[in-house]
Amino acid sequence: MEPALGYPDLEVLVLVDGSLAELWLRRPDPVPGAVPAPSADPDPDPESLERTLRERLPDAVGATEEETAAAEARLGITLSDELKVRYG
């Protein structure tokens, strides 16, 4: 931790290039008996998800198809339809 420049009561975490903070690496503690909520949709329909997101976040600006394709190329994977809807 180092003091933040210009903010005497604030500190910043300085990481070594390529490292992750320990909290990002720690797995969550298991919760015995935990199950999804009854309202959870195990396999959301992409169209229904998109409609719900547009209703609840009408001013949100998502990624374009070109940006999504660039991300897939950079990551070397094809994103799921659900992820494309969430970020598109």
C-alpha atoms as a PDB file:
ATOM      1  CA  MET A   1       0.000   0.000   0.000  1.00  0.00           C
ATOM      2  CA  GLU A   2       1.195   3.480  -0.862  1.00  0.00           C
ATOM      3  CA  PRO A   3      -0.325   6.876  -0.128  1.00  0.00           C
ATOM      4  CA  ALA A   4      -2.410   8.239  -2.989  1.00  0.00           C
ATOM      5  CA  LEU A   5      -0.961  11.436  -4.412  1.00  0.00           C
ATOM      6  CA  GLY A   6      -2.984  14.424  -3.238  1.00  0.00           C
ATOM      7  CA  TYR A   7      -5.205  12.328  -0.952  1.00  0.00           C
ATOM      8  CA  PRO A   8      -3.587  12.006   2.495  1.00  0.00           C
ATOM      9  CA  ASP A   9      -6.272   9.655   3.875  1.00  0.00           C
ATOM     10  CA  LEU A  10      -6.314   7.323   0.868  1.00  0.00           C
ATOM     11  CA  GLU A  11      -3.939   4.497   0.018  1.00  0.00           C
ATOM     12  CA  VAL A  12      -3.570   2.591  -3.237  1.00  0.00           C
ATOM     13  CA  LEU A  13      -2.597  -1.002  -3.778  1.00  0.00           C
ATOM     14  CA  VAL A  14       0.459  -1.393  -6.006  1.00  0.00           C
ATOM     15  CA  LEU A  15       0.741  -4.739  -7.774  1.00  0.00           C
ATOM     16  CA  VAL A  16       3.595  -6.346  -9.615  1.00  0.00           C
ATOM     17  CA  ASP A  17       2.906  -6.487 -13.357  1.00  0.00           C
ATOM     18  CA  GLY A  18       0.667  -9.463 -14.120  1.00  0.00           C
ATOM     19  CA  SER A  19      -0.194 -10.206 -10.490  1.00  0.00           C
ATOM     20  CA  LEU A  20      -3.648 -10.372  -8.919  1.00  0.00           C
ATOM     21  CA  ALA A  21      -4.672  -9.257  -5.461  1.00  0.00           C
ATOM     22  CA  GLU A  22      -5.116 -12.178  -3.058  1.00  0.00           C
ATOM     23  CA  LEU A  23      -8.847 -11.534  -2.705  1.00  0.00           C
ATOM     24  CA  TRP A  24      -9.286 -12.093  -6.449  1.00  0.00           C
ATOM     25  CA  LEU A  25      -7.521 -15.433  -6.175  1.00  0.00           C
ATOM     26  CA  ARG A  26      -9.379 -16.679  -3.089  1.00  0.00           C
ATOM     27  CA  ARG A  27     -12.266 -19.041  -3.765  1.00  0.00           C
ATOM     28  CA  PRO A  28     -15.504 -18.319  -1.886  1.00  0.00           C
ATOM     29  CA  ASP A  29     -16.217 -20.399   1.185  1.00  0.00           C
ATOM     30  CA  PRO A  30     -18.618 -23.241   0.378  1.00  0.00           C
ATOM     31  CA  VAL A  31     -22.145 -22.869   1.737  1.00  0.00           C
ATOM     32  CA  PRO A  32     -23.646 -26.301   2.435  1.00  0.00           C
ATOM     33  CA  GLY A  33     -27.178 -26.636   1.130  1.00  0.00           C
ATOM     34  CA  ALA A  34     -27.028 -23.466  -0.984  1.00  0.00           C
ATOM     35  CA  VAL A  35     -29.247 -23.683  -4.053  1.00  0.00           C
ATOM     36  CA  PRO A  36     -30.354 -21.182  -6.707  1.00  0.00           C
ATOM     37  CA  ALA A  37     -33.403 -19.116  -5.861  1.00  0.00           C
ATOM     38  CA  PRO A  38     -36.670 -20.536  -7.185  1.00  0.00           C
ATOM     39  CA  SER A  39     -36.940 -17.480  -9.434  1.00  0.00           C
ATOM     40  CA  ALA A  40     -33.546 -18.154 -11.041  1.00  0.00           C
ATOM     41  CA  ASP A  41     -33.677 -19.143 -14.683  1.00  0.00           C
ATOM     42  CA  PRO A  42     -31.171 -21.968 -15.265  1.00  0.00           C
ATOM     43  CA  ASP A  43     -31.059 -21.407 -19.023  1.00  0.00           C
ATOM     44  CA  PRO A  44     -32.106 -17.837 -19.834  1.00  0.00           C
ATOM     45  CA  ASP A  45     -33.537 -17.218 -23.283  1.00  0.00           C
ATOM     46  CA  PRO A  46     -31.254 -14.584 -24.920  1.00  0.00           C
ATOM     47  CA  GLU A  47     -34.210 -12.647 -26.356  1.00  0.00           C
ATOM     48  CA  SER A  48     -35.997 -12.564 -22.997  1.00  0.00           C
ATOM     49  CA  LEU A  49     -32.778 -11.505 -21.265  1.00  0.00           C
ATOM     50  CA  GLU A  50     -32.192  -8.726 -23.791  1.00  0.00           C
ATOM     51  CA  ARG A  51     -35.769  -7.475 -23.422  1.00  0.00           C
ATOM     52  CA  THR A  52     -35.480  -7.456 -19.615  1.00  0.00           C
ATOM     53  CA  LEU A  53     -32.142  -5.609 -19.685  1.00  0.00           C
ATOM     54  CA  ARG A  54     -33.465  -2.986 -22.124  1.00  0.00           C
ATOM     55  CA  GLU A  55     -36.538  -2.442 -19.915  1.00  0.00           C
ATOM     56  CA  ARG A  56     -34.519  -2.099 -16.716  1.00  0.00           C
ATOM     57  CA  LEU A  57     -31.529  -0.226 -18.174  1.00  0.00           C
ATOM     58  CA  PRO A  58     -32.994   1.896 -20.981  1.00  0.00           C
ATOM     59  CA  ASP A  59     -30.023   4.284 -21.148  1.00  0.00           C
ATOM     60  CA  ALA A  60     -27.322   1.604 -21.086  1.00  0.00           C
ATOM     61  CA  VAL A  61     -24.915   1.559 -24.011  1.00  0.00           C
ATOM     62  CA  GLY A  62     -23.516  -1.842 -24.853  1.00  0.00           C
ATOM     63  CA  ALA A  63     -20.761  -3.164 -27.034  1.00  0.00           C
ATOM     64  CA  THR A  64     -21.246  -3.159 -30.789  1.00  0.00           C
ATOM     65  CA  GLU A  65     -21.063  -6.388 -32.791  1.00  0.00           C
ATOM     66  CA  GLU A  66     -17.633  -5.263 -34.002  1.00  0.00           C
ATOM     67  CA  GLU A  67     -16.424  -4.699 -30.432  1.00  0.00           C
ATOM     68  CA  THR A  68     -17.764  -8.093 -29.385  1.00  0.00           C
ATOM     69  CA  ALA A  69     -16.019  -9.764 -32.349  1.00  0.00           C
ATOM     70  CA  ALA A  70     -12.770  -7.964 -31.471  1.00  0.00           C
ATOM     71  CA  ALA A  71     -13.036  -9.148 -27.862  1.00  0.00           C
ATOM     72  CA  GLU A  72     -13.614 -12.730 -29.015  1.00  0.00           C
ATOM     73  CA  ALA A  73     -10.587 -12.513 -31.313  1.00  0.00           C
ATOM     74  CA  ARG A  74      -8.425 -11.032 -28.555  1.00  0.00           C
ATOM     75  CA  LEU A  75      -9.533 -13.692 -26.049  1.00  0.00           C
ATOM     76  CA  GLY A  76      -9.380 -16.517 -28.572  1.00  0.00           C
ATOM     77  CA  ILE A  77     -12.869 -17.785 -27.615  1.00  0.00           C
ATOM     78  CA  THR A  78     -16.455 -17.438 -28.756  1.00  0.00           C
ATOM     79  CA  LEU A  79     -18.627 -15.719 -26.162  1.00  0.00           C
ATOM     80  CA  SER A  80     -21.908 -17.366 -25.202  1.00  0.00           C
ATOM     81  CA  ASP A  81     -25.148 -15.826 -26.459  1.00  0.00           C
ATOM     82  CA  GLU A  82     -25.964 -14.858 -22.858  1.00  0.00           C
ATOM     83  CA  LEU A  83     -22.719 -12.897 -22.487  1.00  0.00           C
ATOM     84  CA  LYS A  84     -23.200 -11.211 -25.848  1.00  0.00           C
ATOM     85  CA  VAL A  85     -26.668 -10.077 -24.746  1.00  0.00           C
ATOM     86  CA  ARG A  86     -25.413  -8.881 -21.348  1.00  0.00           C
ATOM     87  CA  TYR A  87     -22.640  -6.752 -22.835  1.00  0.00           C
ATOM     88  CA  GLY A  88     -24.156  -5.906 -26.204  1.00  0.00           C
END
